[in-house]
Amino acid sequence: MRVMLQHAAHCRSGDKGNTSNIMIIAYDEALYPPLKEQLSAQRFKDFYAGVVTGPVERYTIDHLWMMNFVCQGALGGGVSRSLCLDNYGKSLSSRILAFELELPEALRPRLRGL
């Protein structure tokens, strides 16, 4: 089944200069492996095509079911320099919740908001 990330995980974010830091946290241990498999640094960057202009690094924290994405060139030159008011880390982290995952039907009970 295809579901949006928002049903499998939640996000936290921060920004500093022209770098955005987005943490993805799975709701359940069973949801973490497919999330980790499907949301690579490259797929994350592709999802933000035209917005994130620099490299994206992914750091996994397996025992906490988390992935941290550090996105360079993500804030239009930096929060205080950008003319785009919605271009902050919180806006970027909200957008990733629409990323689509392919999950086995057996994980349906572990999802939220379906």
N, C-alpha and C. Protein backbone atom coordinates (compact mmCIF):
# COMPACT_ATOMS: atom_id res chain seq x y z
N MET A 1 0.84 -1.17 0.00
CA MET A 1 0.00 0.00 0.00
C MET A 1 0.89 1.24 0.00
N ARG A 2 0.39 2.29 -0.64
CA ARG A 2 1.13 3.56 -0.68
C ARG A 2 0.52 4.51 0.35
N VAL A 3 1.38 5.09 1.17
CA VAL A 3 0.94 6.05 2.19
C VAL A 3 1.92 7.21 2.24
N MET A 4 1.42 8.34 2.69
CA MET A 4 2.32 9.48 2.89
C MET A 4 3.10 9.29 4.18
N LEU A 5 4.30 9.83 4.19
CA LEU A 5 5.19 9.72 5.35
C LEU A 5 4.50 10.17 6.64
N GLN A 6 3.61 11.12 6.57
CA GLN A 6 2.95 11.63 7.77
C GLN A 6 2.23 10.55 8.56
N HIS A 7 1.88 9.45 7.92
CA HIS A 7 1.20 8.36 8.62
C HIS A 7 2.18 7.40 9.30
N ALA A 8 3.46 7.49 8.96
CA ALA A 8 4.48 6.59 9.49
C ALA A 8 5.48 7.28 10.40
N ALA A 9 5.57 8.61 10.32
CA ALA A 9 6.61 9.32 11.07
C ALA A 9 6.21 10.78 11.27
N HIS A 10 6.96 11.44 12.15
CA HIS A 10 6.81 12.88 12.32
C HIS A 10 8.19 13.52 12.16
N CYS A 11 8.24 14.84 12.14
CA CYS A 11 9.48 15.56 11.85
C CYS A 11 9.77 16.63 12.90
N ARG A 12 11.04 16.96 12.99
CA ARG A 12 11.53 18.11 13.73
C ARG A 12 12.52 18.80 12.80
N SER A 13 12.70 20.08 12.96
CA SER A 13 13.61 20.78 12.05
C SER A 13 14.29 21.95 12.73
N GLY A 14 15.30 22.42 12.06
CA GLY A 14 16.03 23.60 12.49
C GLY A 14 16.72 24.19 11.28
N ASP A 15 17.16 25.41 11.43
CA ASP A 15 17.91 26.03 10.34
C ASP A 15 18.98 26.95 10.90
N LYS A 16 20.05 27.04 10.17
CA LYS A 16 21.17 27.90 10.54
C LYS A 16 21.83 28.34 9.25
N GLY A 17 21.88 29.62 9.03
CA GLY A 17 22.46 30.10 7.79
C GLY A 17 21.67 29.57 6.60
N ASN A 18 22.36 28.92 5.68
CA ASN A 18 21.74 28.37 4.48
C ASN A 18 21.55 26.86 4.58
N THR A 19 21.58 26.33 5.80
CA THR A 19 21.48 24.89 6.03
C THR A 19 20.23 24.57 6.82
N SER A 20 19.51 23.57 6.36
CA SER A 20 18.33 23.08 7.07
C SER A 20 18.63 21.69 7.61
N ASN A 21 18.17 21.43 8.80
CA ASN A 21 18.37 20.15 9.47
C ASN A 21 16.98 19.57 9.73
N ILE A 22 16.68 18.40 9.13
CA ILE A 22 15.35 17.81 9.26
C ILE A 22 15.48 16.40 9.81
N MET A 23 14.83 16.17 10.94
CA MET A 23 14.85 14.87 11.60
C MET A 23 13.52 14.17 11.32
N ILE A 24 13.58 12.93 10.86
CA ILE A 24 12.40 12.10 10.61
C ILE A 24 12.39 11.03 11.70
N ILE A 25 11.29 10.91 12.42
CA ILE A 25 11.18 9.97 13.54
C ILE A 25 10.00 9.03 13.28
N ALA A 26 10.29 7.74 13.14
CA ALA A 26 9.22 6.76 12.90
C ALA A 26 8.34 6.63 14.13
N TYR A 27 7.05 6.42 13.91
CA TYR A 27 6.11 6.23 15.01
C TYR A 27 6.28 4.89 15.70
N ASP A 28 6.85 3.92 14.99
CA ASP A 28 6.91 2.56 15.50
C ASP A 28 8.18 1.90 14.96
N GLU A 29 8.75 1.04 15.75
CA GLU A 29 9.98 0.33 15.35
C GLU A 29 9.80 -0.43 14.03
N ALA A 30 8.64 -1.03 13.81
CA ALA A 30 8.40 -1.81 12.59
C ALA A 30 8.34 -0.92 11.35
N LEU A 31 8.04 0.36 11.50
CA LEU A 31 7.96 1.28 10.37
C LEU A 31 9.33 1.81 9.95
N TYR A 32 10.28 1.75 10.84
CA TYR A 32 11.59 2.34 10.58
C TYR A 32 12.36 1.67 9.43
N PRO A 33 12.46 0.34 9.36
CA PRO A 33 13.24 -0.26 8.26
C PRO A 33 12.76 0.13 6.86
N PRO A 34 11.46 0.07 6.54
CA PRO A 34 11.08 0.49 5.19
C PRO A 34 11.27 1.99 4.96
N LEU A 35 11.09 2.77 6.01
CA LEU A 35 11.33 4.20 5.89
C LEU A 35 12.81 4.46 5.57
N LYS A 36 13.68 3.80 6.29
CA LYS A 36 15.12 3.95 6.08
C LYS A 36 15.53 3.48 4.68
N GLU A 37 14.93 2.40 4.23
CA GLU A 37 15.25 1.85 2.91
C GLU A 37 14.79 2.79 1.79
N GLN A 38 13.63 3.39 1.94
CA GLN A 38 13.05 4.16 0.85
C GLN A 38 13.41 5.64 0.85
N LEU A 39 13.80 6.20 1.99
CA LEU A 39 14.12 7.62 2.06
C LEU A 39 15.62 7.83 2.19
N SER A 40 16.30 7.65 1.07
CA SER A 40 17.75 7.88 1.01
C SER A 40 18.02 9.38 0.92
N ALA A 41 19.27 9.76 1.07
CA ALA A 41 19.64 11.17 0.93
C ALA A 41 19.31 11.66 -0.48
N GLN A 42 19.54 10.83 -1.49
CA GLN A 42 19.26 11.24 -2.87
C GLN A 42 17.77 11.41 -3.11
N ARG A 43 16.95 10.49 -2.63
CA ARG A 43 15.49 10.62 -2.81
C ARG A 43 14.97 11.83 -2.04
N PHE A 44 15.55 12.09 -0.88
CA PHE A 44 15.18 13.27 -0.11
C PHE A 44 15.47 14.53 -0.92
N LYS A 45 16.68 14.60 -1.48
CA LYS A 45 17.06 15.77 -2.28
C LYS A 45 16.19 15.88 -3.53
N ASP A 46 15.92 14.76 -4.19
CA ASP A 46 15.06 14.77 -5.38
C ASP A 46 13.67 15.30 -5.05
N PHE A 47 13.16 14.99 -3.87
CA PHE A 47 11.85 15.46 -3.44
C PHE A 47 11.81 16.99 -3.37
N TYR A 48 12.95 17.59 -3.06
CA TYR A 48 13.07 19.04 -2.96
C TYR A 48 13.75 19.66 -4.18
N ALA A 49 13.59 19.04 -5.33
CA ALA A 49 14.23 19.54 -6.56
C ALA A 49 13.94 21.02 -6.75
N GLY A 50 15.01 21.79 -6.99
CA GLY A 50 14.87 23.22 -7.20
C GLY A 50 14.88 24.04 -5.92
N VAL A 51 14.74 23.39 -4.77
CA VAL A 51 14.73 24.10 -3.49
C VAL A 51 16.05 23.88 -2.76
N VAL A 52 16.44 22.62 -2.61
CA VAL A 52 17.72 22.29 -1.97
C VAL A 52 18.77 22.22 -3.08
N THR A 53 19.69 23.18 -3.08
CA THR A 53 20.67 23.28 -4.17
C THR A 53 22.01 22.65 -3.84
N GLY A 54 22.27 22.37 -2.58
CA GLY A 54 23.55 21.78 -2.18
C GLY A 54 23.39 20.32 -1.84
N PRO A 55 24.44 19.73 -1.30
CA PRO A 55 24.39 18.31 -0.93
C PRO A 55 23.47 18.06 0.26
N VAL A 56 22.97 16.83 0.32
CA VAL A 56 22.16 16.37 1.44
C VAL A 56 22.87 15.17 2.05
N GLU A 57 23.06 15.21 3.35
CA GLU A 57 23.66 14.08 4.07
C GLU A 57 22.61 13.49 4.99
N ARG A 58 22.60 12.15 5.07
CA ARG A 58 21.66 11.47 5.95
C ARG A 58 22.44 10.76 7.05
N TYR A 59 22.00 10.96 8.28
CA TYR A 59 22.58 10.29 9.44
C TYR A 59 21.47 9.46 10.08
N THR A 60 21.72 8.17 10.27
CA THR A 60 20.71 7.31 10.86
C THR A 60 21.00 7.09 12.34
N ILE A 61 19.95 7.01 13.11
CA ILE A 61 20.04 6.73 14.55
C ILE A 61 19.09 5.56 14.78
N ASP A 62 19.57 4.38 14.44
CA ASP A 62 18.72 3.21 14.35
C ASP A 62 18.01 2.85 15.65
N HIS A 63 18.69 2.91 16.77
CA HIS A 63 18.06 2.49 18.04
C HIS A 63 16.96 3.45 18.51
N LEU A 64 16.86 4.63 17.89
CA LEU A 64 15.79 5.58 18.20
C LEU A 64 14.81 5.74 17.04
N TRP A 65 14.99 4.95 15.96
CA TRP A 65 14.12 4.96 14.77
C TRP A 65 14.10 6.33 14.11
N MET A 66 15.28 6.96 13.98
CA MET A 66 15.38 8.32 13.46
C MET A 66 16.38 8.43 12.33
N MET A 67 16.14 9.40 11.46
CA MET A 67 17.10 9.79 10.44
C MET A 67 17.19 11.31 10.45
N ASN A 68 18.40 11.81 10.36
CA ASN A 68 18.63 13.25 10.35
C ASN A 68 19.20 13.62 8.98
N PHE A 69 18.54 14.55 8.30
CA PHE A 69 18.98 15.01 6.99
C PHE A 69 19.52 16.43 7.14
N VAL A 70 20.77 16.63 6.72
CA VAL A 70 21.39 17.95 6.75
C VAL A 70 21.46 18.42 5.30
N CYS A 71 20.75 19.50 5.02
CA CYS A 71 20.57 20.00 3.66
C CYS A 71 21.28 21.33 3.47
N GLN A 72 22.34 21.32 2.69
CA GLN A 72 23.08 22.55 2.38
C GLN A 72 22.37 23.28 1.23
N GLY A 73 22.44 24.59 1.24
CA GLY A 73 21.82 25.35 0.16
C GLY A 73 20.31 25.19 0.13
N ALA A 74 19.69 25.16 1.30
CA ALA A 74 18.26 24.88 1.38
C ALA A 74 17.41 26.10 1.72
N LEU A 75 18.03 27.21 2.07
CA LEU A 75 17.25 28.32 2.61
C LEU A 75 17.43 29.62 1.83
N GLY A 76 17.65 29.50 0.53
CA GLY A 76 17.73 30.70 -0.31
C GLY A 76 18.81 31.67 0.10
N GLY A 77 19.94 31.17 0.58
CA GLY A 77 21.05 32.03 1.00
C GLY A 77 21.09 32.25 2.50
N GLY A 78 20.06 31.82 3.21
CA GLY A 78 19.99 32.00 4.66
C GLY A 78 18.69 32.68 5.03
N VAL A 79 18.19 32.37 6.19
CA VAL A 79 16.88 32.87 6.62
C VAL A 79 16.84 34.40 6.59
N SER A 80 17.86 35.06 7.09
CA SER A 80 17.83 36.52 7.14
C SER A 80 18.09 37.17 5.78
N ARG A 81 18.59 36.41 4.79
CA ARG A 81 18.86 36.96 3.46
C ARG A 81 17.77 36.64 2.45
N SER A 82 16.97 35.64 2.73
CA SER A 82 15.98 35.16 1.77
C SER A 82 14.77 36.08 1.71
N LEU A 83 14.24 36.29 0.52
CA LEU A 83 13.02 37.05 0.33
C LEU A 83 11.79 36.15 0.44
N CYS A 84 12.01 34.85 0.55
CA CYS A 84 10.92 33.88 0.61
C CYS A 84 10.59 33.59 2.08
N LEU A 85 9.46 34.06 2.55
CA LEU A 85 9.12 33.90 3.97
C LEU A 85 8.85 32.46 4.38
N ASP A 86 8.44 31.61 3.44
CA ASP A 86 8.13 30.23 3.78
C ASP A 86 9.32 29.30 3.64
N ASN A 87 10.48 29.81 3.42
CA ASN A 87 11.64 28.98 3.11
C ASN A 87 12.46 28.63 4.35
N TYR A 88 11.82 28.42 5.49
CA TYR A 88 12.51 28.05 6.70
C TYR A 88 12.48 26.54 6.89
N GLY A 89 13.28 26.05 7.84
CA GLY A 89 13.35 24.62 8.10
C GLY A 89 12.01 23.98 8.43
N LYS A 90 11.17 24.68 9.17
CA LYS A 90 9.87 24.13 9.53
C LYS A 90 8.99 23.91 8.31
N SER A 91 9.06 24.82 7.37
CA SER A 91 8.29 24.67 6.13
C SER A 91 8.81 23.47 5.33
N LEU A 92 10.13 23.32 5.27
CA LEU A 92 10.70 22.18 4.54
C LEU A 92 10.34 20.86 5.20
N SER A 93 10.35 20.82 6.54
CA SER A 93 10.04 19.57 7.21
C SER A 93 8.56 19.20 7.04
N SER A 94 7.69 20.18 6.99
CA SER A 94 6.27 19.89 6.75
C SER A 94 6.07 19.29 5.37
N ARG A 95 6.81 19.76 4.40
CA ARG A 95 6.67 19.27 3.02
C ARG A 95 7.05 17.80 2.90
N ILE A 96 8.10 17.36 3.59
CA ILE A 96 8.55 15.96 3.45
C ILE A 96 7.49 14.98 3.94
N LEU A 97 6.56 15.43 4.77
CA LEU A 97 5.52 14.53 5.25
C LEU A 97 4.60 14.04 4.13
N ALA A 98 4.69 14.66 2.95
CA ALA A 98 3.92 14.21 1.79
C ALA A 98 4.68 13.18 0.95
N PHE A 99 5.92 12.86 1.33
CA PHE A 99 6.71 11.83 0.63
C PHE A 99 5.94 10.52 0.70
N GLU A 100 5.85 9.81 -0.42
CA GLU A 100 5.10 8.56 -0.45
C GLU A 100 5.99 7.35 -0.20
N LEU A 101 5.49 6.48 0.65
CA LEU A 101 6.16 5.22 0.99
C LEU A 101 5.32 4.06 0.47
N GLU A 102 5.99 2.98 0.15
CA GLU A 102 5.32 1.72 -0.19
C GLU A 102 5.51 0.79 1.00
N LEU A 103 4.40 0.44 1.67
CA LEU A 103 4.48 -0.38 2.87
C LEU A 103 3.62 -1.63 2.71
N PRO A 104 4.02 -2.72 3.36
CA PRO A 104 3.17 -3.91 3.34
C PRO A 104 1.88 -3.65 4.13
N GLU A 105 0.81 -4.26 3.67
CA GLU A 105 -0.50 -4.11 4.32
C GLU A 105 -0.44 -4.49 5.80
N ALA A 106 0.44 -5.42 6.17
CA ALA A 106 0.55 -5.87 7.56
C ALA A 106 0.95 -4.74 8.52
N LEU A 107 1.54 -3.64 7.99
CA LEU A 107 1.93 -2.52 8.85
C LEU A 107 0.81 -1.51 9.07
N ARG A 108 -0.32 -1.70 8.42
CA ARG A 108 -1.43 -0.74 8.54
C ARG A 108 -1.79 -0.41 10.00
N PRO A 109 -1.87 -1.40 10.90
CA PRO A 109 -2.25 -1.08 12.29
C PRO A 109 -1.24 -0.18 13.01
N ARG A 110 -0.03 -0.10 12.51
CA ARG A 110 1.01 0.71 13.16
C ARG A 110 1.04 2.15 12.66
N LEU A 111 0.28 2.44 11.61
CA LEU A 111 0.23 3.78 11.03
C LEU A 111 -0.71 4.66 11.83
N ARG A 112 -0.55 5.96 11.68
CA ARG A 112 -1.41 6.92 12.38
C ARG A 112 -2.20 7.75 11.36
N GLY A 113 -3.44 8.01 11.71
CA GLY A 113 -4.24 8.93 10.92
C GLY A 113 -4.83 8.38 9.64
N LEU A 114 -4.88 7.08 9.48
CA LEU A 114 -5.50 6.51 8.27
C LEU A 114 -6.96 6.21 8.51
